[in-house]
Amino acid sequence: MADQAIRELYRIDKILQRIPEDRGEFFAGFLPWTEDVGDWTRSARETFAARGDRKLLRTIWDNPEDRESRVLIDVVECVSAADAVEALADRLEANQLAEIPEGPEALGLGSFQHPELAPPALFYVHGNLAITVTSFGRKPVEVSNIARRLDAKLGERPIPADTFLRAYPMLQAQLHAKPGDEVVLRLNLPTRKAEDSYLKVFVTGGTIARREGKLVTHSNAAGQIEVEAFLVEPGAEAYAATSTIIVR
């Protein structure tokens, strides 16, 4: 966890307060695709263990028309939105700049960007992901458009029409729960998945996190929790499943 001075400098506790209690998003295995980075060429893809139960997925992208223009994208996969905010704080603390200004207001849950004289870089949180997009080559590259495309893509529900979605029994959850109870979301993903496929789960009426390797949702209020799960693959319609949990 970042020290108190960093938390106060970047108002980390205020960002934590923005996390809604009645909806949530969770992603696993998310990496940028070629079209997300202007059809640039991916020259590196690596996965690292990070602090706690986090995982770092790193890709490096090269401009095929200019070898000096490169972009590095780090996606830190965390156990919850709150953990992603803490991961953002850790990244800001590790940065060599004394202070990093706030980024675009509409980008993620909270964002920060390098000042003009530093190499372009954006740091932000979306769901359980802490994302960094950095100009990585000799020639500075504007990275805000890439960050915005990734942020928009994460928030999209891949539903052009119900008939185009591939039904698959990949989500199971109990039908009833009491307020405050955690409900395990059991996922049964296809054995064969395309490269660069990723899972996205949207929850309405509750929160979502990973506890001890399992996805869980809960709501402190009576009502219902709607869960939508998608396995998104390049060049194919998404696998999709839904579940409704009655909380009373």
C-alpha atoms as a PDB file:
ATOM      1  CA  MET A   1       0.000   0.000   0.000  1.00  0.00           C
ATOM      2  CA  ALA A   2       1.279   3.456  -0.893  1.00  0.00           C
ATOM      3  CA  ASP A   3       2.430   5.595   2.010  1.00  0.00           C
ATOM      4  CA  GLN A   4       0.207   8.262   3.534  1.00  0.00           C
ATOM      5  CA  ALA A   5       1.916  11.168   1.774  1.00  0.00           C
ATOM      6  CA  ILE A   6       1.177   9.636  -1.641  1.00  0.00           C
ATOM      7  CA  ARG A   7      -2.393   8.834  -0.634  1.00  0.00           C
ATOM      8  CA  GLU A   8      -2.965  12.441   0.385  1.00  0.00           C
ATOM      9  CA  LEU A   9      -1.178  13.891  -2.658  1.00  0.00           C
ATOM     10  CA  TYR A  10      -3.370  11.945  -5.085  1.00  0.00           C
ATOM     11  CA  ARG A  11      -6.501  11.871  -2.884  1.00  0.00           C
ATOM     12  CA  ILE A  12      -6.654   8.093  -3.079  1.00  0.00           C
ATOM     13  CA  ASP A  13      -9.329   7.823  -0.388  1.00  0.00           C
ATOM     14  CA  LYS A  14     -11.614  10.118  -2.404  1.00  0.00           C
ATOM     15  CA  ILE A  15     -11.176   7.901  -5.457  1.00  0.00           C
ATOM     16  CA  LEU A  16     -12.112   4.897  -3.325  1.00  0.00           C
ATOM     17  CA  GLN A  17     -15.310   6.672  -2.341  1.00  0.00           C
ATOM     18  CA  ARG A  18     -16.335   6.824  -6.014  1.00  0.00           C
ATOM     19  CA  ILE A  19     -16.663   3.047  -6.214  1.00  0.00           C
ATOM     20  CA  PRO A  20     -20.413   2.361  -6.470  1.00  0.00           C
ATOM     21  CA  GLU A  21     -22.100  -0.098  -4.125  1.00  0.00           C
ATOM     22  CA  ASP A  22     -24.873  -1.018  -6.559  1.00  0.00           C
ATOM     23  CA  ARG A  23     -22.887  -2.043  -9.641  1.00  0.00           C
ATOM     24  CA  GLY A  24     -19.518  -3.404 -10.601  1.00  0.00           C
ATOM     25  CA  GLU A  25     -17.320  -4.697 -13.400  1.00  0.00           C
ATOM     26  CA  PHE A  26     -14.739  -7.473 -13.354  1.00  0.00           C
ATOM     27  CA  PHE A  27     -12.259  -8.456 -16.060  1.00  0.00           C
ATOM     28  CA  ALA A  28      -9.847 -11.385 -16.388  1.00  0.00           C
ATOM     29  CA  GLY A  29      -7.225 -11.837 -19.067  1.00  0.00           C
ATOM     30  CA  PHE A  30      -7.826  -8.468 -20.710  1.00  0.00           C
ATOM     31  CA  LEU A  31      -5.167  -7.288 -23.146  1.00  0.00           C
ATOM     32  CA  PRO A  32      -5.342  -4.695 -25.930  1.00  0.00           C
ATOM     33  CA  TRP A  33      -5.985  -5.969 -29.441  1.00  0.00           C
ATOM     34  CA  THR A  34      -4.299  -4.609 -32.549  1.00  0.00           C
ATOM     35  CA  GLU A  35      -7.254  -2.403 -33.472  1.00  0.00           C
ATOM     36  CA  ASP A  36      -7.136  -0.802 -30.007  1.00  0.00           C
ATOM     37  CA  VAL A  37      -3.649   0.527 -30.745  1.00  0.00           C
ATOM     38  CA  GLY A  38      -4.202   1.907 -34.229  1.00  0.00           C
ATOM     39  CA  ASP A  39      -3.316  -1.396 -35.966  1.00  0.00           C
ATOM     40  CA  TRP A  40       0.212  -1.240 -34.623  1.00  0.00           C
ATOM     41  CA  THR A  41       2.323  -4.401 -34.268  1.00  0.00           C
ATOM     42  CA  ARG A  42       2.589  -6.141 -30.932  1.00  0.00           C
ATOM     43  CA  SER A  43       6.277  -6.892 -30.313  1.00  0.00           C
ATOM     44  CA  ALA A  44       6.022  -8.195 -26.750  1.00  0.00           C
ATOM     45  CA  ARG A  45       3.454  -9.848 -24.501  1.00  0.00           C
ATOM     46  CA  GLU A  46       4.404 -10.817 -20.953  1.00  0.00           C
ATOM     47  CA  THR A  47       2.658 -11.787 -17.740  1.00  0.00           C
ATOM     48  CA  PHE A  48       4.138 -11.188 -14.285  1.00  0.00           C
ATOM     49  CA  ALA A  49       3.037 -11.925 -10.760  1.00  0.00           C
ATOM     50  CA  ALA A  50       2.441  -8.663  -8.912  1.00  0.00           C
ATOM     51  CA  ARG A  51       1.885  -7.619  -5.306  1.00  0.00           C
ATOM     52  CA  GLY A  52      -0.655  -9.704  -3.408  1.00  0.00           C
ATOM     53  CA  ASP A  53      -3.040 -11.531  -5.727  1.00  0.00           C
ATOM     54  CA  ARG A  54      -2.523  -9.109  -8.593  1.00  0.00           C
ATOM     55  CA  LYS A  55      -1.263 -10.019 -12.045  1.00  0.00           C
ATOM     56  CA  LEU A  56       0.510  -7.716 -14.497  1.00  0.00           C
ATOM     57  CA  LEU A  57      -0.174  -8.192 -18.209  1.00  0.00           C
ATOM     58  CA  ARG A  58       2.250  -6.160 -20.320  1.00  0.00           C
ATOM     59  CA  THR A  59       2.262  -5.540 -24.059  1.00  0.00           C
ATOM     60  CA  ILE A  60       4.539  -3.389 -26.234  1.00  0.00           C
ATOM     61  CA  TRP A  61       3.325  -1.980 -29.541  1.00  0.00           C
ATOM     62  CA  ASP A  62       5.408  -0.689 -32.475  1.00  0.00           C
ATOM     63  CA  ASN A  63       4.339   1.688 -35.198  1.00  0.00           C
ATOM     64  CA  PRO A  64       5.008  -0.285 -38.428  1.00  0.00           C
ATOM     65  CA  GLU A  65       5.680   2.972 -40.269  1.00  0.00           C
ATOM     66  CA  ASP A  66       8.013   4.528 -37.687  1.00  0.00           C
ATOM     67  CA  ARG A  67      10.317   2.279 -35.649  1.00  0.00           C
ATOM     68  CA  GLU A  68      10.975   5.054 -33.122  1.00  0.00           C
ATOM     69  CA  SER A  69       7.307   5.238 -32.075  1.00  0.00           C
ATOM     70  CA  ARG A  70       6.386   2.631 -29.476  1.00  0.00           C
ATOM     71  CA  VAL A  71       3.774   2.267 -26.737  1.00  0.00           C
ATOM     72  CA  LEU A  72       3.874   0.152 -23.583  1.00  0.00           C
ATOM     73  CA  ILE A  73       0.571  -0.866 -22.002  1.00  0.00           C
ATOM     74  CA  ASP A  74       0.450  -2.383 -18.517  1.00  0.00           C
ATOM     75  CA  VAL A  75      -2.783  -3.912 -17.248  1.00  0.00           C
ATOM     76  CA  VAL A  76      -2.691  -4.790 -13.550  1.00  0.00           C
ATOM     77  CA  GLU A  77      -5.466  -7.285 -12.881  1.00  0.00           C
ATOM     78  CA  CYS A  78      -6.656  -6.901  -9.286  1.00  0.00           C
ATOM     79  CA  VAL A  79      -9.143  -8.683  -7.031  1.00  0.00           C
ATOM     80  CA  SER A  80     -11.568  -5.753  -6.841  1.00  0.00           C
ATOM     81  CA  ALA A  81     -12.112  -2.150  -7.828  1.00  0.00           C
ATOM     82  CA  ALA A  82     -10.766  -1.017  -4.456  1.00  0.00           C
ATOM     83  CA  ASP A  83      -7.636  -3.096  -4.973  1.00  0.00           C
ATOM     84  CA  ALA A  84      -7.225  -1.543  -8.429  1.00  0.00           C
ATOM     85  CA  VAL A  85      -7.266   1.936  -6.872  1.00  0.00           C
ATOM     86  CA  GLU A  86      -4.560   0.792  -4.453  1.00  0.00           C
ATOM     87  CA  ALA A  87      -2.568  -0.589  -7.399  1.00  0.00           C
ATOM     88  CA  LEU A  88      -2.897   2.804  -9.095  1.00  0.00           C
ATOM     89  CA  ALA A  89      -1.525   4.443  -5.948  1.00  0.00           C
ATOM     90  CA  ASP A  90       1.423   2.032  -5.960  1.00  0.00           C
ATOM     91  CA  ARG A  91       2.179   2.925  -9.568  1.00  0.00           C
ATOM     92  CA  LEU A  92       2.042   6.643  -8.850  1.00  0.00           C
ATOM     93  CA  GLU A  93       4.333   6.159  -5.862  1.00  0.00           C
ATOM     94  CA  ALA A  94       6.878   4.275  -7.996  1.00  0.00           C
ATOM     95  CA  ASN A  95       6.926   7.008 -10.660  1.00  0.00           C
ATOM     96  CA  GLN A  96      10.070   9.141 -10.791  1.00  0.00           C
ATOM     97  CA  LEU A  97       8.165  12.416 -11.104  1.00  0.00           C
ATOM     98  CA  ALA A  98       7.557  14.332  -7.900  1.00  0.00           C
ATOM     99  CA  GLU A  99       3.895  14.863  -8.794  1.00  0.00           C
ATOM    100  CA  ILE A 100       1.630  13.712 -11.620  1.00  0.00           C
ATOM    101  CA  PRO A 101      -1.336  15.917 -12.591  1.00  0.00           C
ATOM    102  CA  GLU A 102      -4.864  14.589 -12.788  1.00  0.00           C
ATOM    103  CA  GLY A 103      -5.949  13.171 -16.145  1.00  0.00           C
ATOM    104  CA  PRO A 104      -9.223  13.471 -18.057  1.00  0.00           C
ATOM    105  CA  GLU A 105     -12.254  13.426 -15.759  1.00  0.00           C
ATOM    106  CA  ALA A 106     -14.205  11.006 -17.941  1.00  0.00           C
ATOM    107  CA  LEU A 107     -11.418   8.414 -18.041  1.00  0.00           C
ATOM    108  CA  GLY A 108     -12.089   5.524 -15.684  1.00  0.00           C
ATOM    109  CA  LEU A 109     -12.730   5.831 -11.984  1.00  0.00           C
ATOM    110  CA  GLY A 110      -9.767   8.176 -11.632  1.00  0.00           C
ATOM    111  CA  SER A 111      -6.843   9.096 -13.862  1.00  0.00           C
ATOM    112  CA  PHE A 112      -3.480  10.862 -13.888  1.00  0.00           C
ATOM    113  CA  GLN A 113      -1.203  11.920 -16.736  1.00  0.00           C
ATOM    114  CA  HIS A 114       2.383  13.020 -17.186  1.00  0.00           C
ATOM    115  CA  PRO A 115       2.953  16.771 -17.626  1.00  0.00           C
ATOM    116  CA  GLU A 116       3.911  18.099 -21.050  1.00  0.00           C
ATOM    117  CA  LEU A 117       7.699  17.950 -20.626  1.00  0.00           C
ATOM    118  CA  ALA A 118       7.691  14.288 -19.573  1.00  0.00           C
ATOM    119  CA  PRO A 119       7.173  11.262 -21.869  1.00  0.00           C
ATOM    120  CA  PRO A 120       3.413  10.930 -22.480  1.00  0.00           C
ATOM    121  CA  ALA A 121       1.755   8.514 -20.041  1.00  0.00           C
ATOM    122  CA  LEU A 122      -1.718   7.959 -18.591  1.00  0.00           C
ATOM    123  CA  PHE A 123      -2.607   6.040 -15.448  1.00  0.00           C
ATOM    124  CA  TYR A 124      -6.204   5.106 -14.659  1.00  0.00           C
ATOM    125  CA  VAL A 125      -8.598   2.566 -13.128  1.00  0.00           C
ATOM    126  CA  HIS A 126     -11.489   0.743 -14.775  1.00  0.00           C
ATOM    127  CA  GLY A 127     -13.280  -1.921 -12.772  1.00  0.00           C
ATOM    128  CA  ASN A 128     -10.673  -4.193 -11.204  1.00  0.00           C
ATOM    129  CA  LEU A 129      -7.951  -3.044 -13.612  1.00  0.00           C
ATOM    130  CA  ALA A 130      -5.216  -0.457 -13.080  1.00  0.00           C
ATOM    131  CA  ILE A 131      -4.002   0.524 -16.540  1.00  0.00           C
ATOM    132  CA  THR A 132      -0.930   2.435 -17.677  1.00  0.00           C
ATOM    133  CA  VAL A 133      -0.417   3.578 -21.278  1.00  0.00           C
ATOM    134  CA  THR A 134       3.069   4.980 -21.870  1.00  0.00           C
ATOM    135  CA  SER A 135       4.979   6.349 -24.843  1.00  0.00           C
ATOM    136  CA  PHE A 136       7.938   3.981 -24.937  1.00  0.00           C
ATOM    137  CA  GLY A 137      10.091   4.893 -27.942  1.00  0.00           C
ATOM    138  CA  ARG A 138      12.461   7.671 -28.899  1.00  0.00           C
ATOM    139  CA  LYS A 139       9.680   9.670 -30.524  1.00  0.00           C
ATOM    140  CA  PRO A 140       6.856  10.819 -28.181  1.00  0.00           C
ATOM    141  CA  VAL A 141       3.469   9.288 -28.959  1.00  0.00           C
ATOM    142  CA  GLU A 142       0.117  10.756 -27.935  1.00  0.00           C
ATOM    143  CA  VAL A 143      -1.418   8.030 -25.753  1.00  0.00           C
ATOM    144  CA  SER A 144      -4.717   9.564 -24.669  1.00  0.00           C
ATOM    145  CA  ASN A 145      -6.645   8.218 -27.666  1.00  0.00           C
ATOM    146  CA  ILE A 146      -5.440   4.689 -26.944  1.00  0.00           C
ATOM    147  CA  ALA A 147      -6.411   5.011 -23.274  1.00  0.00           C
ATOM    148  CA  ARG A 148      -9.877   6.266 -24.204  1.00  0.00           C
ATOM    149  CA  ARG A 149     -10.416   3.438 -26.682  1.00  0.00           C
ATOM    150  CA  LEU A 150      -9.475   0.854 -24.075  1.00  0.00           C
ATOM    151  CA  ASP A 151     -11.702   2.479 -21.461  1.00  0.00           C
ATOM    152  CA  ALA A 152     -14.673   2.529 -23.839  1.00  0.00           C
ATOM    153  CA  LYS A 153     -14.071  -1.069 -24.907  1.00  0.00           C
ATOM    154  CA  LEU A 154     -14.057  -2.293 -21.317  1.00  0.00           C
ATOM    155  CA  GLY A 155     -17.422  -0.673 -20.651  1.00  0.00           C
ATOM    156  CA  GLU A 156     -19.113  -2.118 -23.725  1.00  0.00           C
ATOM    157  CA  ARG A 157     -21.572  -4.975 -23.464  1.00  0.00           C
ATOM    158  CA  PRO A 158     -21.003  -7.100 -26.581  1.00  0.00           C
ATOM    159  CA  ILE A 159     -24.661  -7.354 -27.553  1.00  0.00           C
ATOM    160  CA  PRO A 160     -25.266  -6.380 -31.197  1.00  0.00           C
ATOM    161  CA  ALA A 161     -28.340  -8.650 -31.050  1.00  0.00           C
ATOM    162  CA  ASP A 162     -29.274 -11.574 -28.825  1.00  0.00           C
ATOM    163  CA  THR A 163     -29.263 -13.983 -31.756  1.00  0.00           C
ATOM    164  CA  PHE A 164     -25.601 -13.281 -32.427  1.00  0.00           C
ATOM    165  CA  LEU A 165     -24.459 -14.303 -28.956  1.00  0.00           C
ATOM    166  CA  ARG A 166     -23.312 -17.835 -28.332  1.00  0.00           C
ATOM    167  CA  ALA A 167     -25.256 -19.315 -25.435  1.00  0.00           C
ATOM    168  CA  TYR A 168     -23.033 -21.335 -23.111  1.00  0.00           C
ATOM    169  CA  PRO A 169     -23.678 -22.639 -19.575  1.00  0.00           C
ATOM    170  CA  MET A 170     -20.676 -20.786 -18.175  1.00  0.00           C
ATOM    171  CA  LEU A 171     -22.292 -19.052 -15.203  1.00  0.00           C
ATOM    172  CA  GLN A 172     -23.984 -20.578 -12.187  1.00  0.00           C
ATOM    173  CA  ALA A 173     -25.121 -18.861  -8.989  1.00  0.00           C
ATOM    174  CA  GLN A 174     -27.615 -19.543  -6.240  1.00  0.00           C
ATOM    175  CA  LEU A 175     -30.983 -17.934  -6.840  1.00  0.00           C
ATOM    176  CA  HIS A 176     -31.537 -16.390  -3.396  1.00  0.00           C
ATOM    177  CA  ALA A 177     -29.421 -14.631  -0.790  1.00  0.00           C
ATOM    178  CA  LYS A 178     -29.794 -12.481   2.297  1.00  0.00           C
ATOM    179  CA  PRO A 179     -28.598  -8.861   2.411  1.00  0.00           C
ATOM    180  CA  GLY A 180     -24.855  -8.862   3.045  1.00  0.00           C
ATOM    181  CA  ASP A 181     -24.333 -12.479   2.017  1.00  0.00           C
ATOM    182  CA  GLU A 182     -21.623 -13.184  -0.542  1.00  0.00           C
ATOM    183  CA  VAL A 183     -22.759 -15.314  -3.465  1.00  0.00           C
ATOM    184  CA  VAL A 184     -20.177 -17.304  -5.414  1.00  0.00           C
ATOM    185  CA  LEU A 185     -20.368 -16.945  -9.199  1.00  0.00           C
ATOM    186  CA  ARG A 186     -19.261 -20.268 -10.635  1.00  0.00           C
ATOM    187  CA  LEU A 187     -17.711 -19.995 -14.072  1.00  0.00           C
ATOM    188  CA  ASN A 188     -17.430 -22.867 -16.515  1.00  0.00           C
ATOM    189  CA  LEU A 189     -15.392 -21.469 -19.390  1.00  0.00           C
ATOM    190  CA  PRO A 190     -14.798 -23.343 -22.648  1.00  0.00           C
ATOM    191  CA  THR A 191     -11.714 -25.551 -22.601  1.00  0.00           C
ATOM    192  CA  ARG A 192     -10.469 -24.083 -25.861  1.00  0.00           C
ATOM    193  CA  LYS A 193     -10.326 -20.321 -25.935  1.00  0.00           C
ATOM    194  CA  ALA A 194      -8.919 -18.119 -28.640  1.00  0.00           C
ATOM    195  CA  GLU A 195      -5.703 -16.224 -27.987  1.00  0.00           C
ATOM    196  CA  ASP A 196      -6.377 -12.794 -26.468  1.00  0.00           C
ATOM    197  CA  SER A 197      -9.866 -13.808 -25.331  1.00  0.00           C
ATOM    198  CA  TYR A 198     -10.932 -12.318 -22.016  1.00  0.00           C
ATOM    199  CA  LEU A 199     -13.731 -12.477 -19.484  1.00  0.00           C
ATOM    200  CA  LYS A 200     -15.892  -9.508 -18.571  1.00  0.00           C
ATOM    201  CA  VAL A 201     -18.605  -9.607 -15.915  1.00  0.00           C
ATOM    202  CA  PHE A 202     -21.100  -6.819 -15.217  1.00  0.00           C
ATOM    203  CA  VAL A 203     -23.084  -6.726 -11.993  1.00  0.00           C
ATOM    204  CA  THR A 204     -26.091  -4.467 -11.376  1.00  0.00           C
ATOM    205  CA  GLY A 205     -27.577  -4.202  -7.897  1.00  0.00           C
ATOM    206  CA  GLY A 206     -24.444  -5.361  -6.104  1.00  0.00           C
ATOM    207  CA  THR A 207     -20.650  -5.482  -6.148  1.00  0.00           C
ATOM    208  CA  ILE A 208     -18.165  -7.991  -7.522  1.00  0.00           C
ATOM    209  CA  ALA A 209     -14.717  -9.135  -6.409  1.00  0.00           C
ATOM    210  CA  ARG A 210     -12.466 -12.170  -6.339  1.00  0.00           C
ATOM    211  CA  ARG A 211     -12.014 -13.877  -2.970  1.00  0.00           C
ATOM    212  CA  GLU A 212      -9.720 -16.872  -2.590  1.00  0.00           C
ATOM    213  CA  GLY A 213      -9.771 -17.459  -6.321  1.00  0.00           C
ATOM    214  CA  LYS A 214     -13.564 -17.290  -6.655  1.00  0.00           C
ATOM    215  CA  LEU A 215     -15.747 -14.525  -8.042  1.00  0.00           C
ATOM    216  CA  VAL A 216     -18.292 -13.310  -5.487  1.00  0.00           C
ATOM    217  CA  THR A 217     -21.073 -10.753  -5.503  1.00  0.00           C
ATOM    218  CA  HIS A 218     -23.148  -9.266  -2.704  1.00  0.00           C
ATOM    219  CA  SER A 219     -25.625  -6.547  -1.874  1.00  0.00           C
ATOM    220  CA  ASN A 220     -26.337  -4.977   1.487  1.00  0.00           C
ATOM    221  CA  ALA A 221     -29.858  -4.053   0.392  1.00  0.00           C
ATOM    222  CA  ALA A 222     -32.863  -6.176  -0.475  1.00  0.00           C
ATOM    223  CA  GLY A 223     -33.696  -6.387  -4.163  1.00  0.00           C
ATOM    224  CA  GLN A 224     -32.006  -8.304  -6.940  1.00  0.00           C
ATOM    225  CA  ILE A 225     -28.544  -8.663  -8.403  1.00  0.00           C
ATOM    226  CA  GLU A 226     -28.286  -8.995 -12.170  1.00  0.00           C
ATOM    227  CA  VAL A 227     -25.133 -10.676 -13.475  1.00  0.00           C
ATOM    228  CA  GLU A 228     -23.987 -10.619 -17.110  1.00  0.00           C
ATOM    229  CA  ALA A 229     -20.900 -12.599 -18.097  1.00  0.00           C
ATOM    230  CA  PHE A 230     -19.159 -12.543 -21.478  1.00  0.00           C
ATOM    231  CA  LEU A 231     -16.216 -14.422 -22.897  1.00  0.00           C
ATOM    232  CA  VAL A 232     -14.957 -12.091 -25.619  1.00  0.00           C
ATOM    233  CA  GLU A 233     -12.824 -13.446 -28.458  1.00  0.00           C
ATOM    234  CA  PRO A 234     -11.213 -11.705 -31.450  1.00  0.00           C
ATOM    235  CA  GLY A 235     -13.198 -12.159 -34.634  1.00  0.00           C
ATOM    236  CA  ALA A 236     -16.121 -14.019 -33.078  1.00  0.00           C
ATOM    237  CA  GLU A 237     -19.366 -13.291 -31.290  1.00  0.00           C
ATOM    238  CA  ALA A 238     -19.093 -13.402 -27.519  1.00  0.00           C
ATOM    239  CA  TYR A 239     -20.145 -16.300 -25.354  1.00  0.00           C
ATOM    240  CA  ALA A 240     -22.743 -14.908 -22.971  1.00  0.00           C
ATOM    241  CA  ALA A 241     -24.611 -15.912 -19.829  1.00  0.00           C
ATOM    242  CA  THR A 242     -26.840 -14.141 -17.311  1.00  0.00           C
ATOM    243  CA  SER A 243     -28.119 -14.826 -13.819  1.00  0.00           C
ATOM    244  CA  THR A 244     -30.502 -13.100 -11.395  1.00  0.00           C
ATOM    245  CA  ILE A 245     -30.098 -13.363  -7.636  1.00  0.00           C
ATOM    246  CA  ILE A 246     -32.978 -12.350  -5.384  1.00  0.00           C
ATOM    247  CA  VAL A 247     -31.791 -10.657  -2.186  1.00  0.00           C
ATOM    248  CA  ARG A 248     -34.299 -10.631   0.676  1.00  0.00           C
END
